Every structure is written in C-alpha cells, then in structure tokens.
C-alpha cells in the first residue's frame, strides 16, 4: 500500500510545486521587467488622459505608434467599455506597426475618498439645482442618486485582463493593493500631484512616477483635497520643486504646446511632457465640433481660460463661456454630483451645437493648438524639440 501511495501522490506534489514555481517566476519577471524605461524615453511626449470620449482608440494607438505614450481617460467608463477600447487599440497598433511596438499605452482613473461621497444637505442641493434651472437646459436637472461614481475595482478588472504599459490616477492615491497588483503585472503606476506634499505622499505610497500638474493645465485639478489650499504652482516651478523632494521620474503637465515647451520641461527636470490640449484638435480625437471651433478661434482666444466648479463641482480649467460666467459664485453640489446634474444640460447644448453651455476643458495656451493627425503632431513636436535643444548649445 505504501509503495502504491507514494507512486500516486508524488507526481501530484511535483505538479503542484511546478505550477507554483512557474506562477512565482512569471510574476517576478513581470514585476522586474517593465516594458519601458521612463528615464530614457526616445519620444518624451505623453498624450494626456482626457475623460468623456476625447481619448479614442484611434488617438491612443496613433500616439503610441509614433513612439509616444497614448492615454485613455477611463474615469467615466464601464468595465465593458474599457475592455473594448483596450482591445481596439491593440488591434489598431497591430495593423499599423505589426509586432514591433515602440510606444506605450496608459489607462487613467479617478480616485474617490474611501468612505465615498456623502450626500449633500438638502439646502445645498436645492440651491444648486435652482442655480442650474436658470440656464438653458438646466430646468431638467435633478438630484443625483447613489452610487455616485464607478466602482474602481470593477473598472480595473478590464485592466488586469488586458494590461496596458502604465496605469495612472487623478485626485489621490489608490489603495496599496491596487498598486501591488499592477506591479505584479509589469504595469508602471503614476499619480498626479499639484504640490510637493502630494508628491511625497505618492512616493511613500509606492508609485513609480509622478505627474506634476501645473496650474496652467486644462481639465480637472488633481489636487487631493479640493476644498483645501491650492498652491497654484506653475508647471516648471512645480517640476523643480518636486525634484527637490522626490527621486521618482516626473511627467510635466500644464501649458505645454510645442517643442520649446517640451525642452523647457525636460530642462526643469522632467523625463517627459504630458500634453492634453495640444491633442484636442487632432483628427483622431473625440473632441466635438463646437469645442474644436472655439479652440481654433482667435476671438475666443481673447477670452482665455479660468478655473470653475460650475460644471462638475470640482475645480477645472476651461475656456470662458456663458455658463461659466453665469455660475461664478453660485452654489454647487460636490463632485461628481454636480457633474451628473449638468449632464443633460451639456448634452442638449452639444445637440444644438452650442459651445456656450458645454465644458470646454483646455489649458491656458490653447490658442497654440494645431489641427494635425496625431502622428504628424508627434513628429513636428520632436523636430521642434531638437531645434530647441540645439539652440541651447
């Protein structure tokens, strides 16, 4: 009996040990062999993640296959949509460059407080809805009901199934288990910082790099505490300050529109320049027609941009329009409730082609936008970067 027992059990033990060893080996390889080295990027250009349909698979694939880092803003996307976009991007990249892939893909998400978003007081909600009711399309706004935002863990299931090269977060640091899971799959993790204090928290939290979001940046401020003090540091000053406090690679973001701007960011200590507004007018982006027209208009450029809470409840920079002016100093619900409440208003404005009541997120230098295909924009930026570097010698 003993001899027969060992003949049966030993192969099972062997297979179990072998299986465990293989899994351990593969996880170790994935963790220690990141697909890109952030400190030696051949094309130091990152297309910023922009939520709401702007970052299409066509845009992300084009940027990546031009050697840059293409990024999705998945904050408002379902798990199914995330999976479909990642798969479509992979297919497009295969069609463009076959098995030889030189760039990278980033997936970006929002981080909400672990305790969730508390329901605002009845008084706050009533006043906020009353303010919206005075605007075209705002009469139909109603109090949002929980859940107020997507479940991050559910969204990330699509990422674990189809791992991108990078995974970034806005508004805060994700749970340590998320960072560890990403690293076990060979994914580099980054988090936005608007101050040295936030960057130090990010470094302590285990991230691989920091996105330094200067005050010039379009879209939502990545500040951790939206109701706390904001140092409002310009991009280059922020990068220099972060270099004094952390050892992690830094992406510079905010107001960067051409090769000279990229050169300035690299000279300040960044390893790459993250550009969102510059890609809004690319043929592949999902930017709507009214938004594109405003970005290209010299007259609209005179209005400039401003920080508003009117559309979403969180500080965000966009082109000044009638809605932003009307909502200045008006009561709003916290993010993302205000964003949900203004959804129908923005949708109706889009249907009638009215940019005055849409969130036209853009950085301070939006007048420098160029309507080029993404790959051509990358090549142009690289030529300008080389010229700017040559001028420094």
Protein backbone atom coordinates (compact mmCIF):
# COMPACT_ATOMS: atom_id res chain seq x y z
CA UNK A 1 0.00 0.00 0.00
CA UNK A 2 2.81 2.41 0.97
CA UNK A 3 4.62 1.95 -2.33
CA UNK A 4 1.43 2.49 -4.32
CA UNK A 5 0.54 5.57 -2.24
CA UNK A 6 3.84 7.30 -2.97
CA UNK A 7 3.65 6.43 -6.69
CA UNK A 8 0.28 8.22 -6.80
CA UNK A 9 0.97 11.20 -4.55
CA UNK A 10 4.50 12.22 -5.57
CA UNK A 11 3.57 13.24 -9.17
CA UNK A 12 0.71 15.34 -7.79
CA UNK A 13 3.04 17.13 -5.38
CA UNK A 14 5.56 17.66 -8.17
CA UNK A 15 2.94 19.23 -10.45
CA UNK A 16 1.70 21.47 -7.64
CA UNK A 17 5.21 22.71 -6.83
CA UNK A 18 5.98 23.21 -10.53
CA UNK A 19 2.78 25.20 -11.05
CA UNK A 20 3.50 27.40 -8.04
CA UNK A 21 7.10 27.96 -9.16
CA UNK A 22 6.00 28.95 -12.67
CA UNK A 23 3.47 31.46 -11.34
CA UNK A 24 6.03 32.91 -8.97
CA UNK A 25 8.63 33.16 -11.74
CA UNK A 26 6.23 34.85 -14.18
CA UNK A 27 5.08 37.35 -11.57
CA UNK A 28 8.69 38.13 -10.69
CA UNK A 29 9.59 38.63 -14.34
CA UNK A 30 6.58 40.89 -14.87
CA UNK A 31 7.40 42.94 -11.81
CA UNK A 32 11.07 43.44 -12.62
CA UNK A 33 10.93 43.80 -16.40
CA UNK A 34 8.85 46.92 -17.07
CA UNK A 35 8.18 47.42 -20.78
CA UNK A 36 9.61 50.95 -20.86
CA UNK A 37 12.25 52.91 -19.02
CA UNK A 38 10.82 56.29 -18.08
CA UNK A 39 14.23 57.89 -17.61
CA UNK A 40 15.29 57.26 -21.22
CA UNK A 41 12.23 57.79 -23.39
CA UNK A 42 13.13 58.16 -27.05
CA UNK A 43 9.99 60.24 -27.59
CA UNK A 44 9.38 62.12 -24.31
CA UNK A 45 5.78 63.00 -25.19
CA UNK A 46 2.72 61.80 -23.28
CA UNK A 47 -0.76 62.42 -24.64
CA UNK A 48 -2.75 63.28 -21.53
CA UNK A 49 -5.70 61.12 -20.46
CA UNK A 50 -8.94 63.05 -21.02
CA UNK A 51 -12.22 61.51 -19.90
CA UNK A 52 -15.55 61.89 -21.64
CA UNK A 53 -14.84 60.34 -25.03
CA UNK A 54 -11.95 62.50 -26.23
CA UNK A 55 -9.30 59.79 -25.96
CA UNK A 56 -10.37 57.33 -28.64
CA UNK A 57 -8.59 54.09 -29.56
CA UNK A 58 -7.55 55.76 -32.83
CA UNK A 59 -5.87 58.63 -30.96
CA UNK A 60 -4.15 56.46 -28.37
CA UNK A 61 -2.90 53.98 -30.99
CA UNK A 62 -1.61 56.75 -33.26
CA UNK A 63 0.33 58.41 -30.44
CA UNK A 64 1.80 55.14 -29.22
CA UNK A 65 2.83 54.04 -32.70
CA UNK A 66 4.55 57.37 -33.24
CA UNK A 67 6.72 56.49 -30.24
CA UNK A 68 4.87 58.46 -27.56
CA UNK A 69 2.66 57.40 -24.68
CA UNK A 70 -1.02 57.39 -25.60
CA UNK A 71 -3.51 57.56 -22.75
CA UNK A 72 -7.14 56.79 -22.05
CA UNK A 73 -9.25 58.77 -19.59
CA UNK A 74 -11.41 55.94 -18.25
CA UNK A 75 -12.90 57.75 -15.24
CA UNK A 76 -16.48 57.56 -16.53
CA UNK A 77 -16.18 54.30 -18.49
CA UNK A 78 -17.75 50.96 -17.68
CA UNK A 79 -15.68 47.80 -17.41
CA UNK A 80 -17.05 46.66 -20.77
CA UNK A 81 -16.14 49.95 -22.48
CA UNK A 82 -12.63 49.87 -21.02
CA UNK A 83 -12.11 46.34 -22.24
CA UNK A 84 -13.40 47.19 -25.72
CA UNK A 85 -11.19 50.29 -26.02
CA UNK A 86 -8.04 48.48 -24.89
CA UNK A 87 -8.73 45.64 -27.30
CA UNK A 88 -9.47 48.02 -30.18
CA UNK A 89 -6.26 49.92 -29.51
CA UNK A 90 -4.22 46.74 -29.54
CA UNK A 91 -5.80 45.75 -32.86
CA UNK A 92 -5.11 49.17 -34.37
CA UNK A 93 -1.49 49.09 -33.23
CA UNK A 94 -1.03 45.67 -34.78
CA UNK A 95 -2.45 46.96 -38.06
CA UNK A 96 -0.15 49.99 -38.01
CA UNK A 97 3.15 48.50 -36.86
CA UNK A 98 2.68 44.73 -36.61
CA UNK A 99 4.52 43.08 -33.75
CA UNK A 100 7.03 45.93 -33.46
CA UNK A 101 5.54 48.34 -30.95
CA UNK A 102 7.70 51.29 -29.94
CA UNK A 103 5.39 53.45 -27.82
CA UNK A 104 3.19 52.73 -24.81
CA UNK A 105 -0.40 52.91 -23.57
CA UNK A 106 -1.64 54.40 -20.30
CA UNK A 107 -5.02 53.89 -18.59
CA UNK A 108 -6.14 56.62 -16.19
CA UNK A 109 -8.77 56.61 -13.44
CA UNK A 110 -10.13 58.90 -10.72
CA UNK A 111 -9.64 58.07 -7.06
CA UNK A 112 -12.51 58.89 -4.71
CA UNK A 113 -12.44 59.01 -0.89
CA UNK A 114 -12.51 55.52 0.61
CA UNK A 115 -15.60 56.43 2.62
CA UNK A 116 -17.41 57.53 -0.54
CA UNK A 117 -19.11 60.84 -1.25
CA UNK A 118 -21.55 61.93 1.48
CA UNK A 119 -24.96 63.09 0.33
CA UNK A 120 -25.02 66.91 0.40
CA UNK A 121 -27.52 68.69 2.60
CA UNK A 122 -30.99 69.34 1.24
CA UNK A 123 -30.30 73.07 1.34
CA UNK A 124 -27.13 72.71 -0.77
CA UNK A 125 -28.88 70.51 -3.32
CA UNK A 126 -31.92 72.80 -3.57
CA UNK A 127 -29.79 75.90 -4.11
CA UNK A 128 -27.51 74.17 -6.64
CA UNK A 129 -30.46 72.89 -8.69
CA UNK A 130 -32.09 76.33 -8.54
CA UNK A 131 -28.92 77.89 -9.97
CA UNK A 132 -28.87 75.33 -12.80
CA UNK A 133 -32.55 75.93 -13.54
CA UNK A 134 -31.74 79.48 -14.67
CA UNK A 135 -29.57 78.12 -17.51
CA UNK A 136 -30.74 76.74 -20.88
CA UNK A 137 -31.38 73.03 -20.43
CA UNK A 138 -30.88 73.23 -16.66
CA UNK A 139 -34.56 73.02 -15.77
CA UNK A 140 -34.47 69.23 -16.10
CA UNK A 141 -31.59 68.81 -13.66
CA UNK A 142 -32.43 66.63 -10.66
CA UNK A 143 -30.70 65.38 -7.54
CA UNK A 144 -28.28 62.54 -8.45
CA UNK A 145 -28.78 59.26 -6.65
CA UNK A 146 -26.11 56.85 -5.39
CA UNK A 147 -23.95 55.20 -6.46
CA UNK A 148 -22.37 58.50 -7.47
CA UNK A 149 -19.37 57.08 -9.32
CA UNK A 150 -17.99 53.97 -10.98
CA UNK A 151 -16.57 51.18 -8.82
CA UNK A 152 -12.81 51.44 -9.35
CA UNK A 153 -12.15 47.79 -8.57
CA UNK A 154 -14.72 46.72 -11.14
CA UNK A 155 -13.24 49.09 -13.74
CA UNK A 156 -9.76 47.73 -13.10
CA UNK A 157 -10.80 44.16 -13.85
CA UNK A 158 -10.60 45.13 -17.53
CA UNK A 159 -7.07 46.44 -16.95
CA UNK A 160 -5.90 43.25 -15.24
CA UNK A 161 -7.27 41.23 -18.17
CA UNK A 162 -5.55 43.40 -20.80
CA UNK A 163 -2.66 45.15 -19.03
CA UNK A 164 -1.54 48.48 -20.50
CA UNK A 165 2.03 49.69 -20.02
CA UNK A 166 1.10 52.37 -17.49
CA UNK A 167 -1.71 52.96 -15.02
CA UNK A 168 -2.28 56.46 -13.62
CA UNK A 169 -4.61 58.05 -11.09
CA UNK A 170 -6.06 61.51 -10.52
CA UNK A 171 -7.39 63.11 -7.30
CA UNK A 172 -5.47 60.80 -4.98
CA UNK A 173 -3.52 57.61 -4.35
CA UNK A 174 -5.25 54.25 -4.90
CA UNK A 175 -5.20 51.51 -2.29
CA UNK A 176 -1.82 49.83 -1.90
CA UNK A 177 -3.27 46.52 -3.10
CA UNK A 178 -4.06 48.10 -6.48
CA UNK A 179 -0.52 49.37 -6.88
CA UNK A 180 0.90 45.98 -5.93
CA UNK A 181 -1.42 44.18 -8.35
CA UNK A 182 -0.35 46.49 -11.17
CA UNK A 183 3.33 45.98 -10.44
CA UNK A 184 2.89 42.22 -10.36
CA UNK A 185 1.69 42.51 -13.97
CA UNK A 186 4.59 44.73 -15.03
CA UNK A 187 2.47 47.90 -15.15
CA UNK A 188 4.12 51.17 -14.12
CA UNK A 189 1.96 53.26 -11.76
CA UNK A 190 1.77 57.05 -11.67
CA UNK A 191 -0.30 59.60 -9.73
CA UNK A 192 -0.96 63.31 -10.34
CA UNK A 193 0.48 65.84 -7.89
CA UNK A 194 -0.13 69.57 -7.66
CA UNK A 195 2.31 70.20 -4.79
CA UNK A 196 5.48 68.81 -3.19
CA UNK A 197 3.45 67.49 -0.26
CA UNK A 198 1.23 65.43 -2.56
CA UNK A 199 4.27 64.15 -4.47
CA UNK A 200 5.88 62.96 -1.24
CA UNK A 201 2.69 61.08 -0.35
CA UNK A 202 2.73 59.48 -3.80
CA UNK A 203 6.35 58.39 -3.43
CA UNK A 204 5.62 56.90 0.00
CA UNK A 205 2.58 55.13 -1.44
CA UNK A 206 4.69 53.03 -3.80
CA UNK A 207 4.09 54.69 -7.18
CA UNK A 208 6.70 54.51 -9.95
CA UNK A 209 6.37 58.09 -11.19
CA UNK A 210 4.58 61.38 -10.59
CA UNK A 211 2.60 63.56 -13.00
CA UNK A 212 3.33 67.17 -11.99
CA UNK A 213 0.16 69.05 -12.88
CA UNK A 214 0.85 72.74 -13.11
CA UNK A 215 -1.81 75.41 -12.67
CA UNK A 216 -1.88 76.04 -16.45
CA UNK A 217 -3.31 72.57 -17.17
CA UNK A 218 -6.76 72.17 -18.65
CA UNK A 219 -9.44 69.97 -17.14
CA UNK A 220 -9.79 68.95 -13.51
CA UNK A 221 -7.19 69.91 -10.96
CA UNK A 222 -5.69 66.74 -9.49
CA UNK A 223 -5.45 68.28 -6.03
CA UNK A 224 -6.14 65.68 -3.33
CA UNK A 225 -8.27 67.92 -1.11
CA UNK A 226 -10.44 70.01 -3.42
CA UNK A 227 -11.58 72.21 -0.54
CA UNK A 228 -8.10 72.74 0.91
CA UNK A 229 -5.47 75.32 -0.01
CA UNK A 230 -4.10 75.16 -3.56
CA UNK A 231 -0.54 76.41 -4.08
CA UNK A 232 -1.37 77.02 -7.78
CA UNK A 233 2.22 76.34 -8.81
CA UNK A 234 3.10 76.89 -12.50
CA UNK A 235 4.28 73.74 -14.26
CA UNK A 236 8.01 74.44 -14.45
CA UNK A 237 8.21 75.70 -10.88
CA UNK A 238 6.29 72.64 -9.70
CA UNK A 239 8.68 70.28 -11.52
CA UNK A 240 11.71 72.00 -9.99
CA UNK A 241 10.15 71.86 -6.52
CA UNK A 242 9.31 68.19 -6.88
CA UNK A 243 12.88 67.39 -7.93
CA UNK A 244 13.99 68.71 -4.55
CA UNK A 245 11.65 66.39 -2.65
CA UNK A 246 11.35 63.10 -4.54
CA UNK A 247 13.55 60.74 -6.55
CA UNK A 248 10.82 59.41 -8.84
CA UNK A 249 10.61 60.24 -12.57
CA UNK A 250 8.36 63.23 -13.27
CA UNK A 251 5.98 63.97 -16.15
CA UNK A 252 5.44 67.72 -16.57
CA UNK A 253 1.82 68.66 -17.37
CA UNK A 254 0.20 72.02 -17.97
CA UNK A 255 0.51 74.65 -20.70
CA UNK A 256 2.89 72.60 -22.86
CA UNK A 257 2.07 73.09 -26.55
CA UNK A 258 5.23 72.94 -28.67
CA UNK A 259 8.79 71.61 -28.83
CA UNK A 260 10.25 74.57 -26.97
CA UNK A 261 7.81 74.00 -24.12
CA UNK A 262 8.88 70.35 -24.02
CA UNK A 263 12.55 71.36 -23.93
CA UNK A 264 11.84 73.71 -21.03
CA UNK A 265 10.07 70.93 -19.13
CA UNK A 266 12.94 68.49 -19.66
CA UNK A 267 15.48 71.15 -18.63
CA UNK A 268 13.49 71.69 -15.43
CA UNK A 269 13.94 68.02 -14.55
CA UNK A 270 11.00 66.18 -16.12
CA UNK A 271 11.53 62.94 -18.06
CA UNK A 272 8.57 63.67 -20.34
CA UNK A 273 5.98 66.31 -21.19
CA UNK A 274 2.32 65.39 -20.81
CA UNK A 275 0.14 67.31 -23.27
CA UNK A 276 -3.64 67.25 -23.39
CA UNK A 277 -4.87 70.44 -25.04
CA UNK A 278 -2.38 70.04 -27.90
CA UNK A 279 -4.09 66.78 -28.91
CA UNK A 280 -7.68 68.06 -28.71
CA UNK A 281 -7.66 69.16 -32.35
CA UNK A 282 -6.04 66.02 -33.74
CA UNK A 283 -8.15 64.25 -36.37
CA UNK A 284 -8.32 61.10 -34.22
CA UNK A 285 -9.58 62.75 -31.03
CA UNK A 286 -13.22 62.61 -29.97
CA UNK A 287 -13.41 66.38 -29.44
CA UNK A 288 -16.78 67.76 -30.56
CA UNK A 289 -17.12 70.26 -33.41
CA UNK A 290 -18.10 73.30 -31.24
CA UNK A 291 -15.14 72.62 -28.93
CA UNK A 292 -12.76 72.43 -31.91
CA UNK A 293 -14.12 75.66 -33.34
CA UNK A 294 -13.58 77.52 -30.08
CA UNK A 295 -10.03 76.17 -29.75
CA UNK A 296 -9.23 77.49 -33.26
CA UNK A 297 -10.92 80.89 -32.92
CA UNK A 298 -8.67 83.97 -32.43
CA UNK A 299 -11.66 85.81 -30.97
CA UNK A 300 -12.36 83.09 -28.41
CA UNK A 301 -8.66 83.05 -27.55
CA UNK A 302 -9.09 86.58 -26.18
CA UNK A 303 -11.46 85.20 -23.53
CA UNK A 304 -8.80 82.90 -22.15
CA UNK A 305 -9.47 80.18 -19.60
CA UNK A 306 -10.49 80.09 -15.97
CA UNK A 307 -10.99 77.67 -13.11
CA UNK A 308 -14.62 76.77 -12.46
CA UNK A 309 -16.65 74.42 -10.27
CA UNK A 310 -19.86 75.15 -12.16
CA UNK A 311 -19.86 72.13 -14.45
CA UNK A 312 -18.63 69.38 -12.13
CA UNK A 313 -18.34 70.63 -8.56
CA UNK A 314 -14.55 70.29 -8.63
CA UNK A 315 -12.00 72.91 -9.76
CA UNK A 316 -11.40 72.51 -13.51
CA UNK A 317 -9.90 74.79 -16.16
CA UNK A 318 -11.85 75.53 -19.32
CA UNK A 319 -12.47 78.18 -21.95
CA UNK A 320 -14.58 81.01 -20.54
CA UNK A 321 -18.18 80.77 -21.78
CA UNK A 322 -21.64 81.95 -20.74
CA UNK A 323 -22.27 79.04 -18.40
CA UNK A 324 -19.00 79.52 -16.52
CA UNK A 325 -19.70 83.24 -16.13
CA UNK A 326 -23.29 82.64 -15.01
CA UNK A 327 -22.24 80.00 -12.46
CA UNK A 328 -19.45 82.06 -10.88
CA UNK A 329 -20.01 82.12 -7.09
CA UNK A 330 -23.20 80.06 -7.42
CA UNK A 331 -23.81 77.11 -5.06
CA UNK A 332 -22.82 73.70 -6.46
CA UNK A 333 -23.06 70.11 -5.31
CA UNK A 334 -19.82 68.22 -4.63
CA UNK A 335 -18.08 66.30 -7.41
CA UNK A 336 -19.24 64.17 -9.12
CA UNK A 337 -22.86 65.01 -8.24
CA UNK A 338 -22.70 68.41 -9.92
CA UNK A 339 -21.15 66.76 -12.97
CA UNK A 340 -24.07 64.33 -13.15
CA UNK A 341 -26.61 67.12 -12.62
CA UNK A 342 -25.22 69.18 -15.52
CA UNK A 343 -25.06 66.16 -17.82
CA UNK A 344 -28.38 66.76 -19.57
CA UNK A 345 -27.67 70.48 -19.92
CA UNK A 346 -24.35 69.73 -21.62
CA UNK A 347 -25.88 67.02 -23.79
CA UNK A 348 -28.61 69.36 -25.06
CA UNK A 349 -26.05 72.08 -25.74
CA UNK A 350 -23.99 69.61 -27.74
CA UNK A 351 -27.04 68.56 -29.77
CA UNK A 352 -27.73 72.13 -30.80
CA UNK A 353 -24.02 72.91 -31.35
CA UNK A 354 -23.92 75.48 -28.56
CA UNK A 355 -20.44 75.70 -27.04
CA UNK A 356 -21.53 78.31 -24.51
CA UNK A 357 -23.09 75.62 -22.33
CA UNK A 358 -20.53 72.84 -22.71
CA UNK A 359 -17.45 72.13 -20.60
CA UNK A 360 -14.69 73.21 -22.98
CA UNK A 361 -11.72 71.97 -20.95
CA UNK A 362 -8.46 73.47 -22.18
CA UNK A 363 -5.12 74.70 -20.87
CA UNK A 364 -4.04 78.33 -20.76
CA UNK A 365 -2.16 78.15 -24.08
CA UNK A 366 -4.97 76.62 -26.16
CA UNK A 367 -4.52 79.24 -28.89
CA UNK A 368 -1.43 77.28 -30.00
CA UNK A 369 -3.50 74.21 -30.96
CA UNK A 370 -2.73 72.70 -34.37
CA UNK A 371 -5.17 70.61 -36.40
CA UNK A 372 -2.85 67.76 -37.37
CA UNK A 373 -3.06 63.98 -37.34
CA UNK A 374 -1.58 62.69 -34.08
CA UNK A 375 1.47 61.06 -35.67
CA UNK A 376 2.27 64.24 -37.61
CA UNK A 377 1.92 66.30 -34.45
CA UNK A 378 4.35 63.98 -32.64
CA UNK A 379 6.89 64.25 -35.48
CA UNK A 380 6.50 68.05 -35.56
CA UNK A 381 6.96 68.32 -31.80
CA UNK A 382 10.09 66.17 -31.93
CA UNK A 383 11.58 68.33 -34.69
CA UNK A 384 10.83 71.46 -32.64
CA UNK A 385 12.33 69.81 -29.56
CA UNK A 386 15.57 69.03 -31.39
CA UNK A 387 15.72 72.60 -32.68
CA UNK A 388 15.13 74.00 -29.19
CA UNK A 389 17.80 71.75 -27.74
CA UNK A 390 20.23 72.83 -30.46
CA UNK A 391 19.57 76.48 -29.66
CA UNK A 392 20.55 75.86 -26.04
CA UNK A 393 24.03 74.63 -27.01
